């Protein structure tokens, strides 16, 4: 089941950008990956649900996106835009 996370708990308020988080992911910082998930999972899930009209399929798609981000993080070229 998809969980909504309190957005006030993100490091974005501390001036940490997605690009910085991706760089930290490349260095093996799993907390940075979790932060990206907290920041982007809710809006991405909402988009996927509106697109697919199926909660389960939207959840599976969301999971696939974040697995791909994790697997492909080594290919990210800092400071290219993350989005």
PDB file of N, CA and C in Angstrom:
ATOM      1  N   UNK A   1       0.846  -1.182   0.000  1.00  0.00           N
ATOM      2  CA  UNK A   1       0.000   0.000   0.000  1.00  0.00           C
ATOM      3  C   UNK A   1       0.877   1.225   0.000  1.00  0.00           C
ATOM      4  N   UNK A   2       0.490   2.222  -0.710  1.00  0.00           N
ATOM      5  CA  UNK A   2       1.234   3.472  -0.821  1.00  0.00           C
ATOM      6  C   UNK A   2       1.070   4.293   0.450  1.00  0.00           C
ATOM      7  N   UNK A   3       2.171   4.784   1.005  1.00  0.00           N
ATOM      8  CA  UNK A   3       2.146   5.592   2.217  1.00  0.00           C
ATOM      9  C   UNK A   3       2.469   7.040   1.893  1.00  0.00           C
ATOM     10  N   UNK A   4       1.693   7.955   2.446  1.00  0.00           N
ATOM     11  CA  UNK A   4       1.961   9.375   2.284  1.00  0.00           C
ATOM     12  C   UNK A   4       2.928   9.787   3.383  1.00  0.00           C
ATOM     13  N   UNK A   5       3.977  10.503   3.007  1.00  0.00           N
ATOM     14  CA  UNK A   5       5.019  10.912   3.944  1.00  0.00           C
ATOM     15  C   UNK A   5       4.901  12.414   4.162  1.00  0.00           C
ATOM     16  N   UNK A   6       5.146  12.845   5.382  1.00  0.00           N
ATOM     17  CA  UNK A   6       5.101  14.262   5.716  1.00  0.00           C
ATOM     18  C   UNK A   6       6.208  14.987   4.980  1.00  0.00           C
ATOM     19  N   UNK A   7       5.838  15.880   4.077  1.00  0.00           N
ATOM     20  CA  UNK A   7       6.811  16.588   3.269  1.00  0.00           C
ATOM     21  C   UNK A   7       7.663  17.540   4.095  1.00  0.00           C
ATOM     22  N   UNK A   8       7.242  17.917   5.283  1.00  0.00           N
ATOM     23  CA  UNK A   8       8.034  18.806   6.135  1.00  0.00           C
ATOM     24  C   UNK A   8       9.295  18.125   6.633  1.00  0.00           C
ATOM     25  N   UNK A   9       9.357  16.805   6.541  1.00  0.00           N
ATOM     26  CA  UNK A   9      10.520  16.067   7.011  1.00  0.00           C
ATOM     27  C   UNK A   9      11.636  15.985   5.981  1.00  0.00           C
ATOM     28  N   UNK A  10      11.474  16.602   4.829  1.00  0.00           N
ATOM     29  CA  UNK A  10      12.477  16.496   3.780  1.00  0.00           C
ATOM     30  C   UNK A  10      13.634  17.437   4.026  1.00  0.00           C
ATOM     31  N   UNK A  11      14.760  17.147   3.396  1.00  0.00           N
ATOM     32  CA  UNK A  11      15.933  18.001   3.525  1.00  0.00           C
ATOM     33  C   UNK A  11      15.897  19.165   2.547  1.00  0.00           C
ATOM     34  N   UNK A  12      14.909  19.198   1.668  1.00  0.00           N
ATOM     35  CA  UNK A  12      14.815  20.292   0.697  1.00  0.00           C
ATOM     36  C   UNK A  12      14.798  21.640   1.402  1.00  0.00           C
ATOM     37  N   UNK A  13      14.168  21.701   2.562  1.00  0.00           N
ATOM     38  CA  UNK A  13      14.118  22.949   3.304  1.00  0.00           C
ATOM     39  C   UNK A  13      15.513  23.382   3.744  1.00  0.00           C
ATOM     40  N   UNK A  14      16.447  22.452   3.789  1.00  0.00           N
ATOM     41  CA  UNK A  14      17.818  22.769   4.175  1.00  0.00           C
ATOM     42  C   UNK A  14      18.658  23.156   2.959  1.00  0.00           C
ATOM     43  N   UNK A  15      18.039  23.298   1.781  1.00  0.00           N
ATOM     44  CA  UNK A  15      18.755  23.702   0.586  1.00  0.00           C
ATOM     45  C   UNK A  15      19.431  22.566  -0.164  1.00  0.00           C
ATOM     46  N   UNK A  16      19.073  21.326   0.123  1.00  0.00           N
ATOM     47  CA  UNK A  16      19.648  20.185  -0.572  1.00  0.00           C
ATOM     48  C   UNK A  16      18.816  19.927  -1.826  1.00  0.00           C
ATOM     49  N   UNK A  17      19.459  19.992  -2.978  1.00  0.00           N
ATOM     50  CA  UNK A  17      18.748  19.813  -4.242  1.00  0.00           C
ATOM     51  C   UNK A  17      18.660  18.334  -4.624  1.00  0.00           C
ATOM     52  N   UNK A  18      17.794  18.036  -5.592  1.00  0.00           N
ATOM     53  CA  UNK A  18      17.694  16.678  -6.112  1.00  0.00           C
ATOM     54  C   UNK A  18      19.028  16.233  -6.709  1.00  0.00           C
ATOM     55  N   UNK A  19      19.706  17.169  -7.355  1.00  0.00           N
ATOM     56  CA  UNK A  19      20.999  16.847  -7.959  1.00  0.00           C
ATOM     57  C   UNK A  19      22.021  16.446  -6.884  1.00  0.00           C
ATOM     58  N   UNK A  20      22.004  17.157  -5.765  1.00  0.00           N
ATOM     59  CA  UNK A  20      22.897  16.799  -4.657  1.00  0.00           C
ATOM     60  C   UNK A  20      22.539  15.427  -4.096  1.00  0.00           C
ATOM     61  N   UNK A  21      21.251  15.159  -3.996  1.00  0.00           N
ATOM     62  CA  UNK A  21      20.808  13.858  -3.494  1.00  0.00           C
ATOM     63  C   UNK A  21      21.226  12.743  -4.444  1.00  0.00           C
ATOM     64  N   UNK A  22      21.115  12.980  -5.749  1.00  0.00           N
ATOM     65  CA  UNK A  22      21.542  11.964  -6.717  1.00  0.00           C
ATOM     66  C   UNK A  22      23.040  11.720  -6.628  1.00  0.00           C
ATOM     67  N   UNK A  23      23.798  12.766  -6.429  1.00  0.00           N
ATOM     68  CA  UNK A  23      25.248  12.602  -6.276  1.00  0.00           C
ATOM     69  C   UNK A  23      25.552  11.741  -5.050  1.00  0.00           C
ATOM     70  N   UNK A  24      24.839  11.995  -3.960  1.00  0.00           N
ATOM     71  CA  UNK A  24      25.019  11.193  -2.751  1.00  0.00           C
ATOM     72  C   UNK A  24      24.591   9.737  -2.978  1.00  0.00           C
ATOM     73  N   UNK A  25      23.542   9.539  -3.784  1.00  0.00           N
ATOM     74  CA  UNK A  25      23.114   8.173  -4.127  1.00  0.00           C
ATOM     75  C   UNK A  25      24.246   7.438  -4.837  1.00  0.00           C
ATOM     76  N   UNK A  26      24.915   8.126  -5.752  1.00  0.00           N
ATOM     77  CA  UNK A  26      26.031   7.523  -6.471  1.00  0.00           C
ATOM     78  C   UNK A  26      27.138   7.082  -5.523  1.00  0.00           C
ATOM     79  N   UNK A  27      27.268   7.794  -4.436  1.00  0.00           N
ATOM     80  CA  UNK A  27      28.306   7.498  -3.452  1.00  0.00           C
ATOM     81  C   UNK A  27      27.857   6.441  -2.442  1.00  0.00           C
ATOM     82  N   UNK A  28      26.647   5.897  -2.650  1.00  0.00           N
ATOM     83  CA  UNK A  28      26.161   4.826  -1.793  1.00  0.00           C
ATOM     84  C   UNK A  28      25.346   5.284  -0.595  1.00  0.00           C
ATOM     85  N   UNK A  29      24.920   6.524  -0.595  1.00  0.00           N
ATOM     86  CA  UNK A  29      24.139   7.067   0.526  1.00  0.00           C
ATOM     87  C   UNK A  29      22.664   6.719   0.322  1.00  0.00           C
ATOM     88  N   UNK A  30      22.218   5.652   0.973  1.00  0.00           N
ATOM     89  CA  UNK A  30      20.836   5.215   0.801  1.00  0.00           C
ATOM     90  C   UNK A  30      19.846   6.208   1.402  1.00  0.00           C
ATOM     91  N   UNK A  31      20.260   6.957   2.394  1.00  0.00           N
ATOM     92  CA  UNK A  31      19.384   7.978   2.978  1.00  0.00           C
ATOM     93  C   UNK A  31      19.019   9.040   1.939  1.00  0.00           C
ATOM     94  N   UNK A  32      19.937   9.356   1.046  1.00  0.00           N
ATOM     95  CA  UNK A  32      19.658  10.316  -0.022  1.00  0.00           C
ATOM     96  C   UNK A  32      18.593   9.751  -0.970  1.00  0.00           C
ATOM     97  N   UNK A  33      18.683   8.462  -1.262  1.00  0.00           N
ATOM     98  CA  UNK A  33      17.681   7.803  -2.105  1.00  0.00           C
ATOM     99  C   UNK A  33      16.312   7.848  -1.424  1.00  0.00           C
ATOM    100  N   UNK A  34      16.282   7.581  -0.132  1.00  0.00           N
ATOM    101  CA  UNK A  34      15.022   7.651   0.612  1.00  0.00           C
ATOM    102  C   UNK A  34      14.439   9.059   0.572  1.00  0.00           C
ATOM    103  N   UNK A  35      15.295  10.051   0.634  1.00  0.00           N
ATOM    104  CA  UNK A  35      14.837  11.433   0.583  1.00  0.00           C
ATOM    105  C   UNK A  35      14.225  11.753  -0.779  1.00  0.00           C
ATOM    106  N   UNK A  36      14.844  11.283  -1.844  1.00  0.00           N
ATOM    107  CA  UNK A  36      14.262  11.461  -3.181  1.00  0.00           C
ATOM    108  C   UNK A  36      12.883  10.799  -3.245  1.00  0.00           C
ATOM    109  N   UNK A  37      12.784   9.609  -2.666  1.00  0.00           N
ATOM    110  CA  UNK A  37      11.501   8.905  -2.642  1.00  0.00           C
ATOM    111  C   UNK A  37      10.463   9.719  -1.872  1.00  0.00           C
ATOM    112  N   UNK A  38      10.830  10.202  -0.690  1.00  0.00           N
ATOM    113  CA  UNK A  38       9.889  10.997   0.112  1.00  0.00           C
ATOM    114  C   UNK A  38       9.420  12.233  -0.648  1.00  0.00           C
ATOM    115  N   UNK A  39      10.325  12.844  -1.338  1.00  0.00           N
ATOM    116  CA  UNK A  39      10.002  14.094  -2.033  1.00  0.00           C
ATOM    117  C   UNK A  39       9.136  13.869  -3.271  1.00  0.00           C
ATOM    118  N   UNK A  40       9.417  12.823  -4.024  1.00  0.00           N
ATOM    119  CA  UNK A  40       8.783  12.669  -5.337  1.00  0.00           C
ATOM    120  C   UNK A  40       7.708  11.591  -5.425  1.00  0.00           C
ATOM    121  N   UNK A  41       7.613  10.702  -4.454  1.00  0.00           N
ATOM    122  CA  UNK A  41       6.688   9.577  -4.602  1.00  0.00           C
ATOM    123  C   UNK A  41       5.221  10.003  -4.613  1.00  0.00           C
ATOM    124  N   UNK A  42       4.835  10.927  -3.760  1.00  0.00           N
ATOM    125  CA  UNK A  42       3.424  11.323  -3.722  1.00  0.00           C
ATOM    126  C   UNK A  42       2.979  12.000  -5.019  1.00  0.00           C
ATOM    127  N   UNK A  43       3.689  13.022  -5.509  1.00  0.00           N
ATOM    128  CA  UNK A  43       3.239  13.634  -6.764  1.00  0.00           C
ATOM    129  C   UNK A  43       3.316  12.665  -7.950  1.00  0.00           C
ATOM    130  N   UNK A  44       4.330  11.805  -7.970  1.00  0.00           N
ATOM    131  CA  UNK A  44       4.438  10.844  -9.068  1.00  0.00           C
ATOM    132  C   UNK A  44       3.324   9.813  -8.998  1.00  0.00           C
ATOM    133  N   UNK A  45       3.010   9.340  -7.783  1.00  0.00           N
ATOM    134  CA  UNK A  45       1.896   8.402  -7.649  1.00  0.00           C
ATOM    135  C   UNK A  45       0.591   9.039  -8.123  1.00  0.00           C
ATOM    136  N   UNK A  46       0.359  10.290  -7.737  1.00  0.00           N
ATOM    137  CA  UNK A  46      -0.866  10.988  -8.160  1.00  0.00           C
ATOM    138  C   UNK A  46      -0.946  11.065  -9.674  1.00  0.00           C
ATOM    139  N   UNK A  47       0.167  11.398 -10.309  1.00  0.00           N
ATOM    140  CA  UNK A  47       0.207  11.459 -11.768  1.00  0.00           C
ATOM    141  C   UNK A  47      -0.092  10.098 -12.378  1.00  0.00           C
ATOM    142  N   UNK A  48       0.568   9.060 -11.879  1.00  0.00           N
ATOM    143  CA  UNK A  48       0.378   7.715 -12.420  1.00  0.00           C
ATOM    144  C   UNK A  48      -1.052   7.225 -12.220  1.00  0.00           C
ATOM    145  N   UNK A  49      -1.629   7.522 -11.072  1.00  0.00           N
ATOM    146  CA  UNK A  49      -3.005   7.098 -10.811  1.00  0.00           C
ATOM    147  C   UNK A  49      -3.983   7.792 -11.768  1.00  0.00           C
ATOM    148  N   UNK A  50      -3.775   9.081 -11.992  1.00  0.00           N
ATOM    149  CA  UNK A  50      -4.640   9.800 -12.942  1.00  0.00           C
ATOM    150  C   UNK A  50      -4.474   9.259 -14.361  1.00  0.00           C
ATOM    151  N   UNK A  51      -3.259   8.887 -14.701  1.00  0.00           N
ATOM    152  CA  UNK A  51      -2.979   8.367 -16.037  1.00  0.00           C
ATOM    153  C   UNK A  51      -3.533   6.963 -16.237  1.00  0.00           C
ATOM    154  N   UNK A  52      -3.371   6.107 -15.215  1.00  0.00           N
ATOM    155  CA  UNK A  52      -3.689   4.689 -15.362  1.00  0.00           C
ATOM    156  C   UNK A  52      -5.065   4.296 -14.835  1.00  0.00           C
ATOM    157  N   UNK A  53      -5.653   5.106 -13.956  1.00  0.00           N
ATOM    158  CA  UNK A  53      -6.974   4.820 -13.372  1.00  0.00           C
ATOM    159  C   UNK A  53      -7.022   3.468 -12.663  1.00  0.00           C
ATOM    160  N   UNK A  54      -5.890   3.073 -12.090  1.00  0.00           N
ATOM    161  CA  UNK A  54      -5.803   1.791 -11.394  1.00  0.00           C
ATOM    162  C   UNK A  54      -4.762   1.922 -10.292  1.00  0.00           C
ATOM    163  N   UNK A  55      -5.201   1.845  -9.055  1.00  0.00           N
ATOM    164  CA  UNK A  55      -4.303   2.071  -7.918  1.00  0.00           C
ATOM    165  C   UNK A  55      -3.156   1.073  -7.884  1.00  0.00           C
ATOM    166  N   UNK A  56      -3.468  -0.185  -8.063  1.00  0.00           N
ATOM    167  CA  UNK A  56      -2.443  -1.222  -8.003  1.00  0.00           C
ATOM    168  C   UNK A  56      -1.401  -1.046  -9.108  1.00  0.00           C
ATOM    169  N   UNK A  57      -1.854  -0.745 -10.302  1.00  0.00           N
ATOM    170  CA  UNK A  57      -0.942  -0.528 -11.421  1.00  0.00           C
ATOM    171  C   UNK A  57      -0.095   0.728 -11.194  1.00  0.00           C
ATOM    172  N   UNK A  58      -0.711   1.766 -10.618  1.00  0.00           N
ATOM    173  CA  UNK A  58       0.038   2.989 -10.301  1.00  0.00           C
ATOM    174  C   UNK A  58       1.110   2.707  -9.250  1.00  0.00           C
ATOM    175  N   UNK A  59       0.783   1.907  -8.233  1.00  0.00           N
ATOM    176  CA  UNK A  59       1.763   1.547  -7.205  1.00  0.00           C
ATOM    177  C   UNK A  59       2.910   0.736  -7.801  1.00  0.00           C
ATOM    178  N   UNK A  60       2.577  -0.224  -8.670  1.00  0.00           N
ATOM    179  CA  UNK A  60       3.612  -1.032  -9.318  1.00  0.00           C
ATOM    180  C   UNK A  60       4.513  -0.164 -10.200  1.00  0.00           C
ATOM    181  N   UNK A  61       3.913   0.761 -10.913  1.00  0.00           N
ATOM    182  CA  UNK A  61       4.679   1.647 -11.787  1.00  0.00           C
ATOM    183  C   UNK A  61       5.593   2.558 -10.975  1.00  0.00           C
ATOM    184  N   UNK A  62       5.075   3.074  -9.874  1.00  0.00           N
ATOM    185  CA  UNK A  62       5.873   3.917  -8.990  1.00  0.00           C
ATOM    186  C   UNK A  62       7.082   3.136  -8.471  1.00  0.00           C
ATOM    187  N   UNK A  63       6.846   1.915  -8.045  1.00  0.00           N
ATOM    188  CA  UNK A  63       7.932   1.076  -7.554  1.00  0.00           C
ATOM    189  C   UNK A  63       8.971   0.861  -8.658  1.00  0.00           C
ATOM    190  N   UNK A  64       8.505   0.617  -9.864  1.00  0.00           N
ATOM    191  CA  UNK A  64       9.417   0.412 -10.991  1.00  0.00           C
ATOM    192  C   UNK A  64      10.284   1.627 -11.267  1.00  0.00           C
ATOM    193  N   UNK A  65       9.699   2.807 -11.169  1.00  0.00           N
ATOM    194  CA  UNK A  65      10.448   4.037 -11.390  1.00  0.00           C
ATOM    195  C   UNK A  65      11.573   4.160 -10.377  1.00  0.00           C
ATOM    196  N   UNK A  66      11.264   3.949  -9.114  1.00  0.00           N
ATOM    197  CA  UNK A  66      12.281   4.138  -8.080  1.00  0.00           C
ATOM    198  C   UNK A  66      13.324   3.026  -8.069  1.00  0.00           C
ATOM    199  N   UNK A  67      12.959   1.840  -8.480  1.00  0.00           N
ATOM    200  CA  UNK A  67      13.957   0.775  -8.638  1.00  0.00           C
ATOM    201  C   UNK A  67      14.914   1.154  -9.762  1.00  0.00           C
ATOM    202  N   UNK A  68      14.365   1.680 -10.837  1.00  0.00           N
ATOM    203  CA  UNK A  68      15.201   2.095 -11.973  1.00  0.00           C
ATOM    204  C   UNK A  68      16.145   3.235 -11.571  1.00  0.00           C
ATOM    205  N   UNK A  69      15.635   4.194 -10.805  1.00  0.00           N
ATOM    206  CA  UNK A  69      16.495   5.290 -10.332  1.00  0.00           C
ATOM    207  C   UNK A  69      17.658   4.723  -9.529  1.00  0.00           C
ATOM    208  N   UNK A  70      17.369   3.796  -8.645  1.00  0.00           N
ATOM    209  CA  UNK A  70      18.418   3.203  -7.819  1.00  0.00           C
ATOM    210  C   UNK A  70      19.434   2.452  -8.676  1.00  0.00           C
ATOM    211  N   UNK A  71      18.945   1.644  -9.592  1.00  0.00           N
ATOM    212  CA  UNK A  71      19.837   0.843 -10.434  1.00  0.00           C
ATOM    213  C   UNK A  71      20.678   1.702 -11.371  1.00  0.00           C
ATOM    214  N   UNK A  72      20.102   2.784 -11.860  1.00  0.00           N
ATOM    215  CA  UNK A  72      20.787   3.627 -12.852  1.00  0.00           C
ATOM    216  C   UNK A  72      21.494   4.834 -12.247  1.00  0.00           C
ATOM    217  N   UNK A  73      21.522   4.941 -10.932  1.00  0.00           N
ATOM    218  CA  UNK A  73      22.089   6.137 -10.298  1.00  0.00           C
ATOM    219  C   UNK A  73      23.552   6.359 -10.675  1.00  0.00           C
ATOM    220  N   UNK A  74      24.277   5.300 -10.939  1.00  0.00           N
ATOM    221  CA  UNK A  74      25.695   5.437 -11.311  1.00  0.00           C
ATOM    222  C   UNK A  74      25.864   6.150 -12.660  1.00  0.00           C
ATOM    223  N   UNK A  75      24.828   6.171 -13.478  1.00  0.00           N
ATOM    224  CA  UNK A  75      24.901   6.814 -14.790  1.00  0.00           C
ATOM    225  C   UNK A  75      24.615   8.318 -14.719  1.00  0.00           C
ATOM    226  N   UNK A  76      24.128   8.773 -13.589  1.00  0.00           N
ATOM    227  CA  UNK A  76      23.784  10.191 -13.439  1.00  0.00           C
ATOM    228  C   UNK A  76      25.051  11.035 -13.495  1.00  0.00           C
ATOM    229  N   UNK A  77      24.984  12.135 -14.246  1.00  0.00           N
ATOM    230  CA  UNK A  77      26.121  13.048 -14.390  1.00  0.00           C
ATOM    231  C   UNK A  77      25.837  14.341 -13.635  1.00  0.00           C
ATOM    232  N   UNK A  78      26.430  14.460 -12.452  1.00  0.00           N
ATOM    233  CA  UNK A  78      26.273  15.663 -11.656  1.00  0.00           C
ATOM    234  C   UNK A  78      26.960  16.826 -12.355  1.00  0.00           C
ATOM    235  N   UNK A  79      26.391  17.987 -12.451  1.00  0.00           N
ATOM    236  CA  UNK A  79      25.155  18.511 -11.874  1.00  0.00           C
ATOM    237  C   UNK A  79      24.002  18.590 -12.858  1.00  0.00           C
ATOM    238  N   UNK A  80      23.899  17.657 -13.788  1.00  0.00           N
ATOM    239  CA  UNK A  80      22.775  17.659 -14.738  1.00  0.00           C
ATOM    240  C   UNK A  80      21.457  17.628 -13.960  1.00  0.00           C
ATOM    241  N   UNK A  81      20.405  18.247 -14.509  1.00  0.00           N
ATOM    242  CA  UNK A  81      19.114  18.235 -13.821  1.00  0.00           C
ATOM    243  C   UNK A  81      18.619  16.813 -13.584  1.00  0.00           C
ATOM    244  N   UNK A  82      18.094  16.572 -12.406  1.00  0.00           N
ATOM    245  CA  UNK A  82      17.583  15.249 -12.049  1.00  0.00           C
ATOM    246  C   UNK A  82      16.265  14.960 -12.750  1.00  0.00           C
ATOM    247  N   UNK A  83      15.422  15.937 -12.882  1.00  0.00           N
ATOM    248  CA  UNK A  83      14.071  15.706 -13.414  1.00  0.00           C
ATOM    249  C   UNK A  83      14.031  15.420 -14.885  1.00  0.00           C
TER     250      UNK A  83
END
